[in-house]
Amino acid sequence: MGLSTHVLDTMHGTPAAGMAVELYTTGAGEPVLVRKLVLNADGRNPEGPLFDNAALKAGTYRLVFDVAAYFRRRGVQLPDPPFLDRVTLDFGIADATAHYHVPLLVSPWSYSTYRGS
């Protein structure tokens, strides 16, 4: 399976459909943008894994989730500046043959993540 992500909106109890996400590699100094995507109705990448096992390499990566813009589009009135604007998750891939799932559970005021299955 490679690398995948999934975002759940814990404020509304729904997948975070329409949230913008960016994926970067970070191992060689400055982060390098790999791709931008918008999550589908299930809060996942509409094209499947971000990387399949053939393309995934061991190293360090960054996912950036555009949380404030997503909640504003949902009609949530956020302070200026918002408490959470863009959530950045830096993580490592040690075994490129394994599946790495990086879920995000998020509200305008909190988030959590873990290595999913």
PDB file of N, CA and C in Angstrom:
ATOM      1  N   MET A   1       0.811  -1.210   0.000  1.00  0.00           N
ATOM      2  CA  MET A   1       0.000   0.000   0.000  1.00  0.00           C
ATOM      3  C   MET A   1       0.844   1.259   0.000  1.00  0.00           C
ATOM      4  N   GLY A   2       2.022   1.278   0.614  1.00  0.00           N
ATOM      5  CA  GLY A   2       2.841   2.486   0.592  1.00  0.00           C
ATOM      6  C   GLY A   2       2.474   3.482   1.667  1.00  0.00           C
ATOM      7  N   LEU A   3       2.161   4.732   1.254  1.00  0.00           N
ATOM      8  CA  LEU A   3       1.846   5.827   2.168  1.00  0.00           C
ATOM      9  C   LEU A   3       0.449   6.352   1.874  1.00  0.00           C
ATOM     10  N   SER A   4      -0.363   6.460   2.923  1.00  0.00           N
ATOM     11  CA  SER A   4      -1.718   7.000   2.767  1.00  0.00           C
ATOM     12  C   SER A   4      -2.044   7.902   3.945  1.00  0.00           C
ATOM     13  N   THR A   5      -3.100   8.706   3.780  1.00  0.00           N
ATOM     14  CA  THR A   5      -3.587   9.569   4.851  1.00  0.00           C
ATOM     15  C   THR A   5      -5.102   9.590   4.833  1.00  0.00           C
ATOM     16  N   HIS A   6      -5.664  10.038   5.923  1.00  0.00           N
ATOM     17  CA  HIS A   6      -7.118  10.107   6.098  1.00  0.00           C
ATOM     18  C   HIS A   6      -7.365  11.168   7.156  1.00  0.00           C
ATOM     19  N   VAL A   7      -8.304  12.084   6.921  1.00  0.00           N
ATOM     20  CA  VAL A   7      -8.568  13.136   7.896  1.00  0.00           C
ATOM     21  C   VAL A   7     -10.019  13.067   8.327  1.00  0.00           C
ATOM     22  N   LEU A   8     -10.208  13.074   9.647  1.00  0.00           N
ATOM     23  CA  LEU A   8     -11.541  13.095  10.236  1.00  0.00           C
ATOM     24  C   LEU A   8     -11.745  14.406  10.975  1.00  0.00           C
ATOM     25  N   ASP A   9     -12.853  15.049  10.694  1.00  0.00           N
ATOM     26  CA  ASP A   9     -13.272  16.305  11.313  1.00  0.00           C
ATOM     27  C   ASP A   9     -14.012  15.927  12.594  1.00  0.00           C
ATOM     28  N   THR A  10     -13.355  16.093  13.746  1.00  0.00           N
ATOM     29  CA  THR A  10     -13.965  15.680  15.010  1.00  0.00           C
ATOM     30  C   THR A  10     -14.981  16.687  15.522  1.00  0.00           C
ATOM     31  N   MET A  11     -14.982  17.902  14.984  1.00  0.00           N
ATOM     32  CA  MET A  11     -15.993  18.892  15.369  1.00  0.00           C
ATOM     33  C   MET A  11     -17.361  18.491  14.831  1.00  0.00           C
ATOM     34  N   HIS A  12     -17.388  18.040  13.578  1.00  0.00           N
ATOM     35  CA  HIS A  12     -18.651  17.698  12.925  1.00  0.00           C
ATOM     36  C   HIS A  12     -18.914  16.202  12.892  1.00  0.00           C
ATOM     37  N   GLY A  13     -17.919  15.386  13.258  1.00  0.00           N
ATOM     38  CA  GLY A  13     -18.083  13.942  13.226  1.00  0.00           C
ATOM     39  C   GLY A  13     -18.155  13.386  11.815  1.00  0.00           C
ATOM     40  N   THR A  14     -17.366  13.969  10.895  1.00  0.00           N
ATOM     41  CA  THR A  14     -17.396  13.560   9.491  1.00  0.00           C
ATOM     42  C   THR A  14     -15.979  13.489   8.940  1.00  0.00           C
ATOM     43  N   PRO A  15     -15.812  12.835   7.782  1.00  0.00           N
ATOM     44  CA  PRO A  15     -14.530  12.960   7.077  1.00  0.00           C
ATOM     45  C   PRO A  15     -14.326  14.412   6.658  1.00  0.00           C
ATOM     46  N   ALA A  16     -13.085  14.832   6.527  1.00  0.00           N
ATOM     47  CA  ALA A  16     -12.755  16.218   6.182  1.00  0.00           C
ATOM     48  C   ALA A  16     -12.713  16.385   4.663  1.00  0.00           C
ATOM     49  N   ALA A  17     -13.859  16.193   4.026  1.00  0.00           N
ATOM     50  CA  ALA A  17     -13.967  16.304   2.564  1.00  0.00           C
ATOM     51  C   ALA A  17     -13.606  17.717   2.118  1.00  0.00           C
ATOM     52  N   GLY A  18     -12.755  17.819   1.114  1.00  0.00           N
ATOM     53  CA  GLY A  18     -12.377  19.108   0.571  1.00  0.00           C
ATOM     54  C   GLY A  18     -11.176  19.753   1.229  1.00  0.00           C
ATOM     55  N   MET A  19     -10.593  19.139   2.252  1.00  0.00           N
ATOM     56  CA  MET A  19      -9.406  19.725   2.882  1.00  0.00           C
ATOM     57  C   MET A  19      -8.217  19.608   1.932  1.00  0.00           C
ATOM     58  N   ALA A  20      -7.449  20.688   1.803  1.00  0.00           N
ATOM     59  CA  ALA A  20      -6.230  20.690   0.999  1.00  0.00           C
ATOM     60  C   ALA A  20      -5.070  20.128   1.820  1.00  0.00           C
ATOM     61  N   VAL A  21      -4.234  19.327   1.159  1.00  0.00           N
ATOM     62  CA  VAL A  21      -3.092  18.684   1.809  1.00  0.00           C
ATOM     63  C   VAL A  21      -1.894  18.801   0.868  1.00  0.00           C
ATOM     64  N   GLU A  22      -0.726  18.990   1.464  1.00  0.00           N
ATOM     65  CA  GLU A  22       0.526  19.007   0.708  1.00  0.00           C
ATOM     66  C   GLU A  22       1.442  17.934   1.281  1.00  0.00           C
ATOM     67  N   LEU A  23       2.168  17.259   0.392  1.00  0.00           N
ATOM     68  CA  LEU A  23       3.149  16.247   0.781  1.00  0.00           C
ATOM     69  C   LEU A  23       4.529  16.705   0.335  1.00  0.00           C
ATOM     70  N   TYR A  24       5.495  16.667   1.258  1.00  0.00           N
ATOM     71  CA  TYR A  24       6.873  17.074   0.991  1.00  0.00           C
ATOM     72  C   TYR A  24       7.836  15.953   1.369  1.00  0.00           C
ATOM     73  N   THR A  25       8.985  15.911   0.718  1.00  0.00           N
ATOM     74  CA  THR A  25      10.122  15.166   1.233  1.00  0.00           C
ATOM     75  C   THR A  25      10.975  16.177   1.996  1.00  0.00           C
ATOM     76  N   THR A  26      11.643  15.718   3.056  1.00  0.00           N
ATOM     77  CA  THR A  26      12.389  16.664   3.906  1.00  0.00           C
ATOM     78  C   THR A  26      13.815  16.224   4.178  1.00  0.00           C
ATOM     79  N   GLY A  27      14.290  15.193   3.562  1.00  0.00           N
ATOM     80  CA  GLY A  27      15.589  14.640   3.919  1.00  0.00           C
ATOM     81  C   GLY A  27      16.794  15.395   3.406  1.00  0.00           C
ATOM     82  N   ALA A  28      16.658  16.205   2.392  1.00  0.00           N
ATOM     83  CA  ALA A  28      17.831  16.839   1.783  1.00  0.00           C
ATOM     84  C   ALA A  28      17.826  18.351   2.006  1.00  0.00           C
ATOM     85  N   GLY A  29      17.731  18.768   3.265  1.00  0.00           N
ATOM     86  CA  GLY A  29      17.732  20.212   3.548  1.00  0.00           C
ATOM     87  C   GLY A  29      16.342  20.796   3.475  1.00  0.00           C
ATOM     88  N   GLU A  30      16.118  21.693   2.520  1.00  0.00           N
ATOM     89  CA  GLU A  30      14.814  22.345   2.368  1.00  0.00           C
ATOM     90  C   GLU A  30      13.754  21.333   1.934  1.00  0.00           C
ATOM     91  N   PRO A  31      12.532  21.450   2.477  1.00  0.00           N
ATOM     92  CA  PRO A  31      11.457  20.557   2.038  1.00  0.00           C
ATOM     93  C   PRO A  31      11.184  20.725   0.538  1.00  0.00           C
ATOM     94  N   VAL A  32      10.879  19.618  -0.126  1.00  0.00           N
ATOM     95  CA  VAL A  32      10.564  19.613  -1.550  1.00  0.00           C
ATOM     96  C   VAL A  32       9.120  19.141  -1.709  1.00  0.00           C
ATOM     97  N   LEU A  33       8.292  19.995  -2.316  1.00  0.00           N
ATOM     98  CA  LEU A  33       6.898  19.643  -2.545  1.00  0.00           C
ATOM     99  C   LEU A  33       6.808  18.491  -3.539  1.00  0.00           C
ATOM    100  N   VAL A  34       6.118  17.419  -3.131  1.00  0.00           N
ATOM    101  CA  VAL A  34       5.923  16.258  -3.983  1.00  0.00           C
ATOM    102  C   VAL A  34       4.581  16.354  -4.697  1.00  0.00           C
ATOM    103  N   ARG A  35       3.549  16.742  -3.940  1.00  0.00           N
ATOM    104  CA  ARG A  35       2.221  16.864  -4.532  1.00  0.00           C
ATOM    105  C   ARG A  35       1.276  17.627  -3.630  1.00  0.00           C
ATOM    106  N   LYS A  36       0.259  18.205  -4.254  1.00  0.00           N
ATOM    107  CA  LYS A  36      -0.854  18.842  -3.563  1.00  0.00           C
ATOM    108  C   LYS A  36      -2.096  18.041  -3.911  1.00  0.00           C
ATOM    109  N   LEU A  37      -3.011  17.931  -2.968  1.00  0.00           N
ATOM    110  CA  LEU A  37      -4.237  17.195  -3.216  1.00  0.00           C
ATOM    111  C   LEU A  37      -5.369  17.783  -2.403  1.00  0.00           C
ATOM    112  N   VAL A  38      -6.578  17.443  -2.778  1.00  0.00           N
ATOM    113  CA  VAL A  38      -7.781  17.807  -2.034  1.00  0.00           C
ATOM    114  C   VAL A  38      -8.480  16.503  -1.682  1.00  0.00           C
ATOM    115  N   LEU A  39      -8.801  16.344  -0.407  1.00  0.00           N
ATOM    116  CA  LEU A  39      -9.389  15.093   0.069  1.00  0.00           C
ATOM    117  C   LEU A  39     -10.800  14.888  -0.478  1.00  0.00           C
ATOM    118  N   ASN A  40     -11.132  13.642  -0.760  1.00  0.00           N
ATOM    119  CA  ASN A  40     -12.447  13.298  -1.308  1.00  0.00           C
ATOM    120  C   ASN A  40     -13.511  13.234  -0.210  1.00  0.00           C
ATOM    121  N   ALA A  41     -14.698  12.785  -0.545  1.00  0.00           N
ATOM    122  CA  ALA A  41     -15.826  12.749   0.387  1.00  0.00           C
ATOM    123  C   ALA A  41     -15.555  11.867   1.601  1.00  0.00           C
ATOM    124  N   ASP A  42     -14.625  10.927   1.473  1.00  0.00           N
ATOM    125  CA  ASP A  42     -14.274  10.046   2.587  1.00  0.00           C
ATOM    126  C   ASP A  42     -13.081  10.581   3.373  1.00  0.00           C
ATOM    127  N   GLY A  43     -12.598  11.800   3.030  1.00  0.00           N
ATOM    128  CA  GLY A  43     -11.456  12.383   3.728  1.00  0.00           C
ATOM    129  C   GLY A  43     -10.135  11.757   3.349  1.00  0.00           C
ATOM    130  N   ARG A  44     -10.080  11.152   2.142  1.00  0.00           N
ATOM    131  CA  ARG A  44      -8.876  10.465   1.673  1.00  0.00           C
ATOM    132  C   ARG A  44      -8.430  11.041   0.327  1.00  0.00           C
ATOM    133  N   ASN A  45      -7.204  10.687  -0.070  1.00  0.00           N
ATOM    134  CA  ASN A  45      -6.720  11.079  -1.386  1.00  0.00           C
ATOM    135  C   ASN A  45      -7.593  10.405  -2.444  1.00  0.00           C
ATOM    136  N   PRO A  46      -8.170  11.149  -3.368  1.00  0.00           N
ATOM    137  CA  PRO A  46      -9.063  10.545  -4.358  1.00  0.00           C
ATOM    138  C   PRO A  46      -8.353   9.592  -5.320  1.00  0.00           C
ATOM    139  N   GLU A  47      -7.025   9.656  -5.390  1.00  0.00           N
ATOM    140  CA  GLU A  47      -6.277   8.825  -6.337  1.00  0.00           C
ATOM    141  C   GLU A  47      -5.639   7.613  -5.683  1.00  0.00           C
ATOM    142  N   GLY A  48      -6.032   7.282  -4.463  1.00  0.00           N
ATOM    143  CA  GLY A  48      -5.421   6.147  -3.776  1.00  0.00           C
ATOM    144  C   GLY A  48      -4.230   6.578  -2.948  1.00  0.00           C
ATOM    145  N   PRO A  49      -3.259   5.682  -2.726  1.00  0.00           N
ATOM    146  CA  PRO A  49      -2.118   6.015  -1.873  1.00  0.00           C
ATOM    147  C   PRO A  49      -1.344   7.226  -2.384  1.00  0.00           C
ATOM    148  N   LEU A  50      -0.717   7.951  -1.463  1.00  0.00           N
ATOM    149  CA  LEU A  50       0.149   9.076  -1.836  1.00  0.00           C
ATOM    150  C   LEU A  50       1.391   8.559  -2.559  1.00  0.00           C
ATOM    151  N   PHE A  51       1.895   7.423  -2.095  1.00  0.00           N
ATOM    152  CA  PHE A  51       2.963   6.672  -2.753  1.00  0.00           C
ATOM    153  C   PHE A  51       2.586   5.206  -2.653  1.00  0.00           C
ATOM    154  N   ASP A  52       2.768   4.441  -3.723  1.00  0.00           N
ATOM    155  CA  ASP A  52       2.647   2.996  -3.579  1.00  0.00           C
ATOM    156  C   ASP A  52       4.012   2.474  -3.144  1.00  0.00           C
ATOM    157  N   ASN A  53       4.102   1.178  -2.825  1.00  0.00           N
ATOM    158  CA  ASN A  53       5.365   0.642  -2.323  1.00  0.00           C
ATOM    159  C   ASN A  53       6.489   0.728  -3.354  1.00  0.00           C
ATOM    160  N   ALA A  54       6.164   0.723  -4.636  1.00  0.00           N
ATOM    161  CA  ALA A  54       7.203   0.828  -5.658  1.00  0.00           C
ATOM    162  C   ALA A  54       7.848   2.213  -5.660  1.00  0.00           C
ATOM    163  N   ALA A  55       7.096   3.255  -5.319  1.00  0.00           N
ATOM    164  CA  ALA A  55       7.610   4.633  -5.347  1.00  0.00           C
ATOM    165  C   ALA A  55       8.092   5.119  -3.989  1.00  0.00           C
ATOM    166  N   LEU A  56       7.625   4.503  -2.912  1.00  0.00           N
ATOM    167  CA  LEU A  56       7.987   4.951  -1.562  1.00  0.00           C
ATOM    168  C   LEU A  56       9.448   4.641  -1.265  1.00  0.00           C
ATOM    169  N   LYS A  57      10.140   5.610  -0.694  1.00  0.00           N
ATOM    170  CA  LYS A  57      11.547   5.454  -0.311  1.00  0.00           C
ATOM    171  C   LYS A  57      11.690   5.708   1.190  1.00  0.00           C
ATOM    172  N   ALA A  58      12.649   5.044   1.799  1.00  0.00           N
ATOM    173  CA  ALA A  58      12.958   5.336   3.195  1.00  0.00           C
ATOM    174  C   ALA A  58      13.424   6.783   3.278  1.00  0.00           C
ATOM    175  N   GLY A  59      13.042   7.465   4.350  1.00  0.00           N
ATOM    176  CA  GLY A  59      13.448   8.852   4.522  1.00  0.00           C
ATOM    177  C   GLY A  59      12.450   9.616   5.356  1.00  0.00           C
ATOM    178  N   THR A  60      12.538  10.936   5.298  1.00  0.00           N
ATOM    179  CA  THR A  60      11.656  11.784   6.092  1.00  0.00           C
ATOM    180  C   THR A  60      10.711  12.550   5.181  1.00  0.00           C
ATOM    181  N   TYR A  61       9.497  12.750   5.705  1.00  0.00           N
ATOM    182  CA  TYR A  61       8.412  13.349   4.930  1.00  0.00           C
ATOM    183  C   TYR A  61       7.656  14.346   5.795  1.00  0.00           C
ATOM    184  N   ARG A  62       6.853  15.162   5.142  1.00  0.00           N
ATOM    185  CA  ARG A  62       6.008  16.137   5.835  1.00  0.00           C
ATOM    186  C   ARG A  62       4.652  16.183   5.126  1.00  0.00           C
ATOM    187  N   LEU A  63       3.593  16.097   5.917  1.00  0.00           N
ATOM    188  CA  LEU A  63       2.239  16.357   5.439  1.00  0.00           C
ATOM    189  C   LEU A  63       1.776  17.661   6.059  1.00  0.00           C
ATOM    190  N   VAL A  64       1.201  18.542   5.244  1.00  0.00           N
ATOM    191  CA  VAL A  64       0.684  19.824   5.726  1.00  0.00           C
ATOM    192  C   VAL A  64      -0.802  19.872   5.382  1.00  0.00           C
ATOM    193  N   PHE A  65      -1.624  20.017   6.408  1.00  0.00           N
ATOM    194  CA  PHE A  65      -3.078  20.012   6.275  1.00  0.00           C
ATOM    195  C   PHE A  65      -3.598  21.430   6.461  1.00  0.00           C
ATOM    196  N   ASP A  66      -4.380  21.935   5.532  1.00  0.00           N
ATOM    197  CA  ASP A  66      -4.900  23.309   5.564  1.00  0.00           C
ATOM    198  C   ASP A  66      -6.189  23.347   6.391  1.00  0.00           C
ATOM    199  N   VAL A  67      -6.006  23.283   7.700  1.00  0.00           N
ATOM    200  CA  VAL A  67      -7.109  23.103   8.647  1.00  0.00           C
ATOM    201  C   VAL A  67      -8.028  24.323   8.724  1.00  0.00           C
ATOM    202  N   ALA A  68      -7.479  25.509   8.904  1.00  0.00           N
ATOM    203  CA  ALA A  68      -8.321  26.705   9.080  1.00  0.00           C
ATOM    204  C   ALA A  68      -9.168  26.966   7.843  1.00  0.00           C
ATOM    205  N   ALA A  69      -8.580  26.858   6.665  1.00  0.00           N
ATOM    206  CA  ALA A  69      -9.346  27.089   5.432  1.00  0.00           C
ATOM    207  C   ALA A  69     -10.492  26.086   5.316  1.00  0.00           C
ATOM    208  N   TYR A  70     -10.226  24.846   5.686  1.00  0.00           N
ATOM    209  CA  TYR A  70     -11.275  23.820   5.650  1.00  0.00           C
ATOM    210  C   TYR A  70     -12.435  24.201   6.572  1.00  0.00           C
ATOM    211  N   PHE A  71     -12.128  24.562   7.832  1.00  0.00           N
ATOM    212  CA  PHE A  71     -13.206  24.884   8.776  1.00  0.00           C
ATOM    213  C   PHE A  71     -13.937  26.161   8.379  1.00  0.00           C
ATOM    214  N   ARG A  72     -13.229  27.131   7.828  1.00  0.00           N
ATOM    215  CA  ARG A  72     -13.920  28.336   7.338  1.00  0.00           C
ATOM    216  C   ARG A  72     -14.916  27.983   6.233  1.00  0.00           C
ATOM    217  N   ARG A  73     -14.504  27.094   5.317  1.00  0.00           N
ATOM    218  CA  ARG A  73     -15.433  26.668   4.257  1.00  0.00           C
ATOM    219  C   ARG A  73     -16.644  25.939   4.827  1.00  0.00           C
ATOM    220  N   ARG A  74     -16.484  25.314   5.984  1.00  0.00           N
ATOM    221  CA  ARG A  74     -17.593  24.638   6.652  1.00  0.00           C
ATOM    222  C   ARG A  74     -18.473  25.614   7.430  1.00  0.00           C
ATOM    223  N   GLY A  75     -18.114  26.901   7.425  1.00  0.00           N
ATOM    224  CA  GLY A  75     -18.920  27.912   8.100  1.00  0.00           C
ATOM    225  C   GLY A  75     -18.557  28.162   9.545  1.00  0.00           C
ATOM    226  N   VAL A  76     -17.438  27.616   9.988  1.00  0.00           N
ATOM    227  CA  VAL A  76     -17.002  27.808  11.366  1.00  0.00           C
ATOM    228  C   VAL A  76     -16.346  29.183  11.477  1.00  0.00           C
ATOM    229  N   GLN A  77     -16.787  29.988  12.430  1.00  0.00           N
ATOM    230  CA  GLN A  77     -16.171  31.292  12.663  1.00  0.00           C
ATOM    231  C   GLN A  77     -14.935  31.090  13.532  1.00  0.00           C
ATOM    232  N   LEU A  78     -13.798  31.398  12.953  1.00  0.00           N
ATOM    233  CA  LEU A  78     -12.525  31.223  13.641  1.00  0.00           C
ATOM    234  C   LEU A  78     -11.974  32.588  14.037  1.00  0.00           C
ATOM    235  N   PRO A  79     -11.211  32.642  15.124  1.00  0.00           N
ATOM    236  CA  PRO A  79     -10.566  33.908  15.480  1.00  0.00           C
ATOM    237  C   PRO A  79      -9.496  34.253  14.450  1.00  0.00           C
ATOM    238  N   ASP A  80      -9.047  35.508  14.492  1.00  0.00           N
ATOM    239  CA  ASP A  80      -7.996  35.950  13.588  1.00  0.00           C
ATOM    240  C   ASP A  80      -6.799  36.393  14.413  1.00  0.00           C
ATOM    241  N   PRO A  81      -5.722  35.656  14.422  1.00  0.00           N
ATOM    242  CA  PRO A  81      -5.476  34.453  13.641  1.00  0.00           C
ATOM    243  C   PRO A  81      -6.122  33.226  14.279  1.00  0.00           C
ATOM    244  N   PRO A  82      -6.356  32.169  13.485  1.00  0.00           N
ATOM    245  CA  PRO A  82      -6.951  30.960  14.057  1.00  0.00           C
ATOM    246  C   PRO A  82      -5.971  30.258  14.989  1.00  0.00           C
ATOM    247  N   PHE A  83      -6.497  29.502  15.921  1.00  0.00           N
ATOM    248  CA  PHE A  83      -5.635  28.733  16.828  1.00  0.00           C
ATOM    249  C   PHE A  83      -4.807  27.729  16.028  1.00  0.00           C
ATOM    250  N   LEU A  84      -5.448  26.972  15.151  1.00  0.00           N
ATOM    251  CA  LEU A  84      -4.751  26.073  14.234  1.00  0.00           C
ATOM    252  C   LEU A  84      -4.987  26.574  12.820  1.00  0.00           C
ATOM    253  N   ASP A  85      -3.927  26.840  12.104  1.00  0.00           N
ATOM    254  CA  ASP A  85      -4.047  27.279  10.716  1.00  0.00           C
ATOM    255  C   ASP A  85      -3.711  26.101   9.805  1.00  0.00           C
ATOM    256  N   ARG A  86      -2.437  25.785   9.724  1.00  0.00           N
ATOM    257  CA  ARG A  86      -1.984  24.639   8.940  1.00  0.00           C
ATOM    258  C   ARG A  86      -1.284  23.678   9.895  1.00  0.00           C
ATOM    259  N   VAL A  87      -1.724  22.440   9.916  1.00  0.00           N
ATOM    260  CA  VAL A  87      -1.118  21.422  10.773  1.00  0.00           C
ATOM    261  C   VAL A  87      -0.039  20.710   9.969  1.00  0.00           C
ATOM    262  N   THR A  88       1.169  20.710  10.520  1.00  0.00           N
ATOM    263  CA  THR A  88       2.319  20.091   9.869  1.00  0.00           C
ATOM    264  C   THR A  88       2.734  18.854  10.649  1.00  0.00           C
ATOM    265  N   LEU A  89       2.816  17.722   9.939  1.00  0.00           N
ATOM    266  CA  LEU A  89       3.259  16.467  10.551  1.00  0.00           C
ATOM    267  C   LEU A  89       4.535  16.017   9.858  1.00  0.00           C
ATOM    268  N   ASP A  90       5.625  15.945  10.612  1.00  0.00           N
ATOM    269  CA  ASP A  90       6.885  15.412  10.103  1.00  0.00           C
ATOM    270  C   ASP A  90       7.012  13.981  10.605  1.00  0.00           C
ATOM    271  N   PHE A  91       7.370  13.071   9.712  1.00  0.00           N
ATOM    272  CA  PHE A  91       7.458  11.661  10.094  1.00  0.00           C
ATOM    273  C   PHE A  91       8.505  10.973   9.238  1.00  0.00           C
ATOM    274  N   GLY A  92       8.931   9.802   9.692  1.00  0.00           N
ATOM    275  CA  GLY A  92       9.947   9.046   8.979  1.00  0.00           C
ATOM    276  C   GLY A  92       9.422   7.725   8.470  1.00  0.00           C
ATOM    277  N   ILE A  93       9.966   7.301   7.342  1.00  0.00           N
ATOM    278  CA  ILE A  93       9.689   5.996   6.752  1.00  0.00           C
ATOM    279  C   ILE A  93      10.977   5.189   6.866  1.00  0.00           C
ATOM    280  N   ALA A  94      10.954   4.152   7.688  1.00  0.00           N
ATOM    281  CA  ALA A  94      12.139   3.322   7.866  1.00  0.00           C
ATOM    282  C   ALA A  94      12.133   2.124   6.924  1.00  0.00           C
ATOM    283  N   ASP A  95      10.957   1.560   6.669  1.00  0.00           N
ATOM    284  CA  ASP A  95      10.827   0.363   5.842  1.00  0.00           C
ATOM    285  C   ASP A  95       9.901   0.679   4.675  1.00  0.00           C
ATOM    286  N   ALA A  96      10.471   0.941   3.517  1.00  0.00           N
ATOM    287  CA  ALA A  96       9.683   1.341   2.349  1.00  0.00           C
ATOM    288  C   ALA A  96       8.814   0.220   1.799  1.00  0.00           C
ATOM    289  N   THR A  97       8.971  -0.999   2.303  1.00  0.00           N
ATOM    290  CA  THR A  97       8.109  -2.097   1.857  1.00  0.00           C
ATOM    291  C   THR A  97       6.860  -2.226   2.728  1.00  0.00           C
ATOM    292  N   ALA A  98       6.808  -1.476   3.820  1.00  0.00           N
ATOM    293  CA  ALA A  98       5.670  -1.536   4.751  1.00  0.00           C
ATOM    294  C   ALA A  98       4.610  -0.512   4.348  1.00  0.00           C
ATOM    295  N   HIS A  99       3.434  -0.625   4.954  1.00  0.00           N
ATOM    296  CA  HIS A  99       2.375   0.358   4.744  1.00  0.00           C
ATOM    297  C   HIS A  99       2.437   1.379   5.876  1.00  0.00           C
ATOM    298  N   TYR A 100       2.463   2.650   5.518  1.00  0.00           N
ATOM    299  CA  TYR A 100       2.428   3.744   6.477  1.00  0.00           C
ATOM    300  C   TYR A 100       1.150   4.535   6.236  1.00  0.00           C
ATOM    301  N   HIS A 101       0.266   4.510   7.224  1.00  0.00           N
ATOM    302  CA  HIS A 101      -0.976   5.281   7.148  1.00  0.00           C
ATOM    303  C   HIS A 101      -0.882   6.371   8.200  1.00  0.00           C
ATOM    304  N   VAL A 102      -1.083   7.642   7.781  1.00  0.00           N
ATOM    305  CA  VAL A 102      -0.931   8.787   8.680  1.00  0.00           C
ATOM    306  C   VAL A 102      -2.274   9.504   8.784  1.00  0.00           C
ATOM    307  N   PRO A 103      -3.135   9.075   9.719  1.00  0.00           N
ATOM    308  CA  PRO A 103      -4.427   9.731   9.896  1.00  0.00           C
ATOM    309  C   PRO A 103      -4.294  10.999  10.740  1.00  0.00           C
ATOM    310  N   LEU A 104      -5.222  11.912  10.518  1.00  0.00           N
ATOM    311  CA  LEU A 104      -5.304  13.135  11.316  1.00  0.00           C
ATOM    312  C   LEU A 104      -6.737  13.270  11.799  1.00  0.00           C
ATOM    313  N   LEU A 105      -6.908  13.410  13.098  1.00  0.00           N
ATOM    314  CA  LEU A 105      -8.202  13.724  13.704  1.00  0.00           C
ATOM    315  C   LEU A 105      -8.095  15.169  14.146  1.00  0.00           C
ATOM    316  N   VAL A 106      -9.016  16.033  13.665  1.00  0.00           N
ATOM    317  CA  VAL A 106      -8.791  17.463  13.852  1.00  0.00           C
ATOM    318  C   VAL A 106     -10.087  18.221  14.113  1.00  0.00           C
ATOM    319  N   SER A 107      -9.966  19.250  14.938  1.00  0.00           N
ATOM    320  CA  SER A 107     -11.016  20.248  15.160  1.00  0.00           C
ATOM    321  C   SER A 107     -10.316  21.602  15.032  1.00  0.00           C
ATOM    322  N   PRO A 108     -11.036  22.705  15.142  1.00  0.00           N
ATOM    323  CA  PRO A 108     -10.347  24.003  15.087  1.00  0.00           C
ATOM    324  C   PRO A 108      -9.388  24.246  16.256  1.00  0.00           C
ATOM    325  N   TRP A 109      -9.466  23.402  17.303  1.00  0.00           N
ATOM    326  CA  TRP A 109      -8.689  23.650  18.520  1.00  0.00           C
ATOM    327  C   TRP A 109      -7.762  22.518  18.926  1.00  0.00           C
ATOM    328  N   SER A 110      -7.814  21.399  18.213  1.00  0.00           N
ATOM    329  CA  SER A 110      -6.961  20.284  18.618  1.00  0.00           C
ATOM    330  C   SER A 110      -6.777  19.316  17.453  1.00  0.00           C
ATOM    331  N   TYR A 111      -5.727  18.498  17.567  1.00  0.00           N
ATOM    332  CA  TYR A 111      -5.528  17.429  16.591  1.00  0.00           C
ATOM    333  C   TYR A 111      -4.735  16.299  17.235  1.00  0.00           C
ATOM    334  N   SER A 112      -4.859  15.122  16.638  1.00  0.00           N
ATOM    335  CA  SER A 112      -4.029  13.989  17.039  1.00  0.00           C
ATOM    336  C   SER A 112      -3.752  13.157  15.793  1.00  0.00           C
ATOM    337  N   THR A 113      -2.675  12.399  15.890  1.00  0.00           N
ATOM    338  CA  THR A 113      -2.283  11.531  14.781  1.00  0.00           C
ATOM    339  C   THR A 113      -1.618  10.303  15.359  1.00  0.00           C
ATOM    340  N   TYR A 114      -1.396   9.317  14.525  1.00  0.00           N
ATOM    341  CA  TYR A 114      -0.748   8.077  14.940  1.00  0.00           C
ATOM    342  C   TYR A 114      -0.366   7.334  13.664  1.00  0.00           C
ATOM    343  N   ARG A 115       0.408   6.292  13.797  1.00  0.00           N
ATOM    344  CA  ARG A 115       0.681   5.439  12.632  1.00  0.00           C
ATOM    345  C   ARG A 115      -0.423   4.406  12.575  1.00  0.00           C
ATOM    346  N   GLY A 116      -1.267   4.559  11.593  1.00  0.00           N
ATOM    347  CA  GLY A 116      -2.403   3.653  11.438  1.00  0.00           C
ATOM    348  C   GLY A 116      -2.019   2.410  10.651  1.00  0.00           C
ATOM    349  N   SER A 117      -3.013   1.600  10.408  1.00  0.00           N
ATOM    350  CA  SER A 117      -2.775   0.346   9.674  1.00  0.00           C
ATOM    351  C   SER A 117      -3.453   0.376   8.320  1.00  0.00           C
TER     352      SER A 117
END
